[in-house]
Amino acid sequence: MFALEVFGGITYLFLGGDLLVRGAVALSRRLRVSPMLVGITVVAFGTSAPELLVAIRAAATAHAELAMGNVVGSNIANVLFVVGAPAIIYPMACNQPSARRD
């Protein structure tokens, strides 16, 4: 039963991600702006909204350490998983002059 629940969760996660990307692309076409602009603003706000709500509630109940831990943990997870996982699956090419300059 557990394996079925995990499979169902991964399936729903995949479908939800696909719907999010399709919706963001449709919104960018409707507004006639770059898909990157929609991703940076609308999608980023939507994915950060849960952390924002937790931080607001923690600050309102005098638990500032929870709000700070949530922000730090969220940023670490974003850097390690959201940026790292695609780089492992599809490595980014880097030309030599820019690699030497940095």
N, C-alpha and C. Protein backbone atom coordinates (compact mmCIF):
# COMPACT_ATOMS: atom_id res chain seq x y z
N MET A 1 0.83 -1.20 0.00
CA MET A 1 0.00 0.00 0.00
C MET A 1 0.87 1.26 0.00
N PHE A 2 1.97 1.21 0.78
CA PHE A 2 2.85 2.37 0.86
C PHE A 2 3.44 2.72 -0.51
N ALA A 3 3.85 1.70 -1.26
CA ALA A 3 4.43 1.93 -2.58
C ALA A 3 3.41 2.59 -3.51
N LEU A 4 2.17 2.19 -3.40
CA LEU A 4 1.12 2.79 -4.22
C LEU A 4 0.91 4.26 -3.85
N GLU A 5 0.96 4.58 -2.57
CA GLU A 5 0.82 5.97 -2.13
C GLU A 5 1.99 6.82 -2.61
N VAL A 6 3.20 6.28 -2.53
CA VAL A 6 4.38 7.01 -3.01
C VAL A 6 4.27 7.24 -4.52
N PHE A 7 3.90 6.20 -5.25
CA PHE A 7 3.75 6.34 -6.70
C PHE A 7 2.68 7.37 -7.04
N GLY A 8 1.56 7.34 -6.32
CA GLY A 8 0.50 8.32 -6.55
C GLY A 8 0.96 9.73 -6.24
N GLY A 9 1.71 9.89 -5.16
CA GLY A 9 2.23 11.21 -4.80
C GLY A 9 3.18 11.75 -5.84
N ILE A 10 4.07 10.91 -6.33
CA ILE A 10 5.02 11.33 -7.37
C ILE A 10 4.27 11.67 -8.66
N THR A 11 3.26 10.88 -8.98
CA THR A 11 2.46 11.15 -10.18
C THR A 11 1.76 12.50 -10.07
N TYR A 12 1.13 12.77 -8.92
CA TYR A 12 0.46 14.06 -8.73
C TYR A 12 1.45 15.21 -8.73
N LEU A 13 2.63 15.00 -8.19
CA LEU A 13 3.66 16.03 -8.20
C LEU A 13 4.09 16.34 -9.62
N PHE A 14 4.29 15.31 -10.43
CA PHE A 14 4.66 15.49 -11.83
C PHE A 14 3.57 16.24 -12.60
N LEU A 15 2.33 15.80 -12.42
CA LEU A 15 1.21 16.45 -13.12
C LEU A 15 1.03 17.90 -12.67
N GLY A 16 1.18 18.15 -11.38
CA GLY A 16 1.06 19.52 -10.88
C GLY A 16 2.15 20.42 -11.42
N GLY A 17 3.37 19.91 -11.48
CA GLY A 17 4.47 20.68 -12.06
C GLY A 17 4.24 20.98 -13.52
N ASP A 18 3.73 20.00 -14.25
CA ASP A 18 3.43 20.20 -15.66
C ASP A 18 2.35 21.26 -15.85
N LEU A 19 1.31 21.21 -15.03
CA LEU A 19 0.25 22.22 -15.11
C LEU A 19 0.78 23.61 -14.77
N LEU A 20 1.67 23.69 -13.79
CA LEU A 20 2.25 24.98 -13.41
C LEU A 20 3.05 25.57 -14.57
N VAL A 21 3.86 24.76 -15.22
CA VAL A 21 4.67 25.25 -16.34
C VAL A 21 3.78 25.64 -17.51
N ARG A 22 2.80 24.81 -17.83
CA ARG A 22 1.89 25.15 -18.94
C ARG A 22 1.11 26.44 -18.65
N GLY A 23 0.66 26.59 -17.42
CA GLY A 23 -0.05 27.82 -17.05
C GLY A 23 0.83 29.04 -17.11
N ALA A 24 2.08 28.91 -16.69
CA ALA A 24 3.01 30.04 -16.74
C ALA A 24 3.31 30.43 -18.18
N VAL A 25 3.49 29.45 -19.05
CA VAL A 25 3.74 29.75 -20.46
C VAL A 25 2.51 30.41 -21.08
N ALA A 26 1.32 29.91 -20.78
CA ALA A 26 0.09 30.52 -21.31
C ALA A 26 -0.07 31.95 -20.81
N LEU A 27 0.24 32.18 -19.54
CA LEU A 27 0.16 33.54 -19.00
C LEU A 27 1.15 34.46 -19.68
N SER A 28 2.36 33.98 -19.93
CA SER A 28 3.35 34.83 -20.59
C SER A 28 2.93 35.16 -22.02
N ARG A 29 2.30 34.21 -22.71
CA ARG A 29 1.82 34.49 -24.07
C ARG A 29 0.66 35.48 -24.04
N ARG A 30 -0.24 35.31 -23.07
CA ARG A 30 -1.39 36.19 -22.98
C ARG A 30 -0.95 37.63 -22.66
N LEU A 31 0.04 37.77 -21.79
CA LEU A 31 0.52 39.10 -21.42
C LEU A 31 1.58 39.63 -22.38
N ARG A 32 2.01 38.78 -23.31
CA ARG A 32 3.05 39.13 -24.28
C ARG A 32 4.35 39.57 -23.60
N VAL A 33 4.76 38.77 -22.63
CA VAL A 33 6.03 39.00 -21.95
C VAL A 33 6.84 37.71 -22.01
N SER A 34 8.09 37.81 -21.63
CA SER A 34 8.98 36.66 -21.64
C SER A 34 8.53 35.61 -20.62
N PRO A 35 8.60 34.33 -20.98
CA PRO A 35 8.29 33.29 -19.99
C PRO A 35 9.21 33.37 -18.76
N MET A 36 10.44 33.84 -18.96
CA MET A 36 11.35 33.98 -17.83
C MET A 36 10.83 35.02 -16.84
N LEU A 37 10.24 36.09 -17.34
CA LEU A 37 9.69 37.12 -16.46
C LEU A 37 8.54 36.55 -15.63
N VAL A 38 7.70 35.76 -16.24
CA VAL A 38 6.59 35.13 -15.49
C VAL A 38 7.15 34.15 -14.47
N GLY A 39 8.18 33.41 -14.85
CA GLY A 39 8.79 32.47 -13.92
C GLY A 39 9.44 33.16 -12.74
N ILE A 40 10.09 34.28 -13.00
CA ILE A 40 10.76 35.01 -11.93
C ILE A 40 9.76 35.64 -10.98
N THR A 41 8.62 36.07 -11.47
CA THR A 41 7.67 36.78 -10.62
C THR A 41 6.53 35.89 -10.13
N VAL A 42 5.68 35.48 -11.00
CA VAL A 42 4.45 34.77 -10.62
C VAL A 42 4.76 33.39 -10.04
N VAL A 43 5.54 32.60 -10.73
CA VAL A 43 5.84 31.25 -10.26
C VAL A 43 6.67 31.30 -8.98
N ALA A 44 7.64 32.21 -8.93
CA ALA A 44 8.46 32.33 -7.72
C ALA A 44 7.61 32.73 -6.53
N PHE A 45 6.68 33.65 -6.71
CA PHE A 45 5.82 34.04 -5.59
C PHE A 45 4.93 32.88 -5.16
N GLY A 46 4.41 32.16 -6.13
CA GLY A 46 3.54 31.03 -5.79
C GLY A 46 4.26 29.93 -5.03
N THR A 47 5.52 29.68 -5.38
CA THR A 47 6.26 28.64 -4.66
C THR A 47 6.78 29.13 -3.32
N SER A 48 6.90 30.44 -3.14
CA SER A 48 7.37 30.99 -1.86
C SER A 48 6.24 31.34 -0.92
N ALA A 49 5.01 31.31 -1.38
CA ALA A 49 3.87 31.70 -0.54
C ALA A 49 3.74 30.85 0.73
N PRO A 50 3.93 29.54 0.69
CA PRO A 50 3.82 28.78 1.95
C PRO A 50 4.84 29.22 3.00
N GLU A 51 6.08 29.47 2.58
CA GLU A 51 7.09 29.93 3.53
C GLU A 51 6.74 31.30 4.09
N LEU A 52 6.18 32.16 3.24
CA LEU A 52 5.78 33.49 3.69
C LEU A 52 4.68 33.39 4.74
N LEU A 53 3.70 32.54 4.52
CA LEU A 53 2.62 32.39 5.49
C LEU A 53 3.12 31.82 6.82
N VAL A 54 4.03 30.86 6.76
CA VAL A 54 4.60 30.31 7.99
C VAL A 54 5.38 31.38 8.74
N ALA A 55 6.16 32.18 8.01
CA ALA A 55 6.94 33.24 8.65
C ALA A 55 6.05 34.30 9.28
N ILE A 56 4.97 34.67 8.62
CA ILE A 56 4.05 35.67 9.17
C ILE A 56 3.39 35.14 10.43
N ARG A 57 2.94 33.89 10.37
CA ARG A 57 2.29 33.31 11.56
C ARG A 57 3.28 33.16 12.72
N ALA A 58 4.49 32.76 12.41
CA ALA A 58 5.50 32.61 13.46
C ALA A 58 5.84 33.95 14.09
N ALA A 59 5.97 34.98 13.27
CA ALA A 59 6.27 36.30 13.81
C ALA A 59 5.11 36.84 14.63
N ALA A 60 3.89 36.55 14.21
CA ALA A 60 2.72 37.04 14.94
C ALA A 60 2.56 36.36 16.29
N THR A 61 3.07 35.14 16.43
CA THR A 61 2.97 34.43 17.70
C THR A 61 4.27 34.46 18.49
N ALA A 62 5.12 35.43 18.19
CA ALA A 62 6.39 35.65 18.90
C ALA A 62 7.33 34.45 18.81
N HIS A 63 7.38 33.82 17.67
CA HIS A 63 8.33 32.73 17.42
C HIS A 63 9.22 33.13 16.24
N ALA A 64 9.98 34.19 16.42
CA ALA A 64 10.81 34.71 15.34
C ALA A 64 11.85 33.70 14.88
N GLU A 65 12.32 32.84 15.79
CA GLU A 65 13.33 31.86 15.40
C GLU A 65 12.78 30.86 14.39
N LEU A 66 11.48 30.56 14.47
CA LEU A 66 10.87 29.68 13.49
C LEU A 66 10.83 30.36 12.12
N ALA A 67 10.50 31.63 12.11
CA ALA A 67 10.46 32.37 10.85
C ALA A 67 11.85 32.41 10.21
N MET A 68 12.88 32.68 11.02
CA MET A 68 14.24 32.75 10.49
C MET A 68 14.71 31.38 10.01
N GLY A 69 14.42 30.34 10.77
CA GLY A 69 14.80 28.99 10.36
C GLY A 69 14.10 28.57 9.08
N ASN A 70 12.86 28.99 8.92
CA ASN A 70 12.11 28.67 7.72
C ASN A 70 12.73 29.34 6.50
N VAL A 71 13.12 30.59 6.64
CA VAL A 71 13.73 31.32 5.53
C VAL A 71 15.07 30.70 5.15
N VAL A 72 15.91 30.44 6.15
CA VAL A 72 17.23 29.87 5.88
C VAL A 72 17.09 28.47 5.28
N GLY A 73 16.25 27.64 5.86
CA GLY A 73 16.06 26.28 5.35
C GLY A 73 15.50 26.26 3.94
N SER A 74 14.58 27.15 3.65
CA SER A 74 13.99 27.22 2.32
C SER A 74 15.03 27.62 1.29
N ASN A 75 15.87 28.59 1.62
CA ASN A 75 16.90 29.02 0.68
C ASN A 75 17.94 27.93 0.45
N ILE A 76 18.32 27.23 1.50
CA ILE A 76 19.27 26.13 1.34
C ILE A 76 18.68 25.03 0.46
N ALA A 77 17.42 24.68 0.70
CA ALA A 77 16.77 23.65 -0.11
C ALA A 77 16.65 24.09 -1.56
N ASN A 78 16.33 25.35 -1.80
CA ASN A 78 16.22 25.85 -3.17
C ASN A 78 17.56 25.77 -3.89
N VAL A 79 18.62 26.17 -3.23
CA VAL A 79 19.93 26.15 -3.87
C VAL A 79 20.38 24.71 -4.13
N LEU A 80 20.23 23.84 -3.15
CA LEU A 80 20.74 22.48 -3.30
C LEU A 80 19.89 21.62 -4.23
N PHE A 81 18.58 21.69 -4.10
CA PHE A 81 17.72 20.78 -4.86
C PHE A 81 17.22 21.38 -6.16
N VAL A 82 16.72 22.59 -6.12
CA VAL A 82 16.10 23.18 -7.31
C VAL A 82 17.15 23.53 -8.35
N VAL A 83 18.32 23.97 -7.92
CA VAL A 83 19.38 24.29 -8.87
C VAL A 83 20.25 23.06 -9.14
N GLY A 84 20.51 22.27 -8.10
CA GLY A 84 21.42 21.14 -8.24
C GLY A 84 20.88 19.96 -9.01
N ALA A 85 19.63 19.61 -8.78
CA ALA A 85 19.06 18.42 -9.44
C ALA A 85 19.04 18.55 -10.97
N PRO A 86 18.58 19.66 -11.54
CA PRO A 86 18.65 19.77 -13.00
C PRO A 86 20.08 19.76 -13.53
N ALA A 87 21.02 20.32 -12.76
CA ALA A 87 22.41 20.31 -13.21
C ALA A 87 22.99 18.90 -13.23
N ILE A 88 22.52 18.04 -12.34
CA ILE A 88 22.97 16.64 -12.35
C ILE A 88 22.36 15.91 -13.53
N ILE A 89 21.09 16.16 -13.80
CA ILE A 89 20.39 15.48 -14.89
C ILE A 89 20.89 15.96 -16.25
N TYR A 90 21.06 17.27 -16.39
CA TYR A 90 21.50 17.85 -17.66
C TYR A 90 22.59 18.87 -17.35
N PRO A 91 23.86 18.46 -17.38
CA PRO A 91 24.95 19.38 -17.03
C PRO A 91 24.98 20.59 -17.95
N MET A 92 25.30 21.73 -17.36
CA MET A 92 25.36 22.97 -18.12
C MET A 92 26.73 23.12 -18.77
N ALA A 93 26.74 23.52 -20.02
CA ALA A 93 27.99 23.74 -20.73
C ALA A 93 28.53 25.12 -20.39
N CYS A 94 29.83 25.22 -20.31
CA CYS A 94 30.46 26.49 -19.99
C CYS A 94 31.64 26.66 -20.94
N ASN A 95 31.66 27.79 -21.66
CA ASN A 95 32.80 28.01 -22.55
C ASN A 95 34.01 28.47 -21.73
N GLN A 96 35.18 28.23 -22.23
CA GLN A 96 36.41 28.46 -21.48
C GLN A 96 36.64 29.91 -21.08
N PRO A 97 36.43 30.91 -21.94
CA PRO A 97 36.72 32.29 -21.50
C PRO A 97 35.90 32.73 -20.29
N SER A 98 34.64 32.37 -20.24
CA SER A 98 33.84 32.79 -19.09
C SER A 98 34.24 32.02 -17.83
N ALA A 99 34.70 30.80 -17.97
CA ALA A 99 35.14 30.03 -16.81
C ALA A 99 36.42 30.61 -16.22
N ARG A 100 37.30 31.09 -17.05
CA ARG A 100 38.54 31.70 -16.56
C ARG A 100 38.27 33.04 -15.92
N ARG A 101 37.33 33.79 -16.47
CA ARG A 101 37.04 35.13 -15.95
C ARG A 101 36.45 35.06 -14.55
N ASP A 102 35.57 34.09 -14.31
CA ASP A 102 34.94 33.97 -13.00
C ASP A 102 35.91 33.36 -12.03
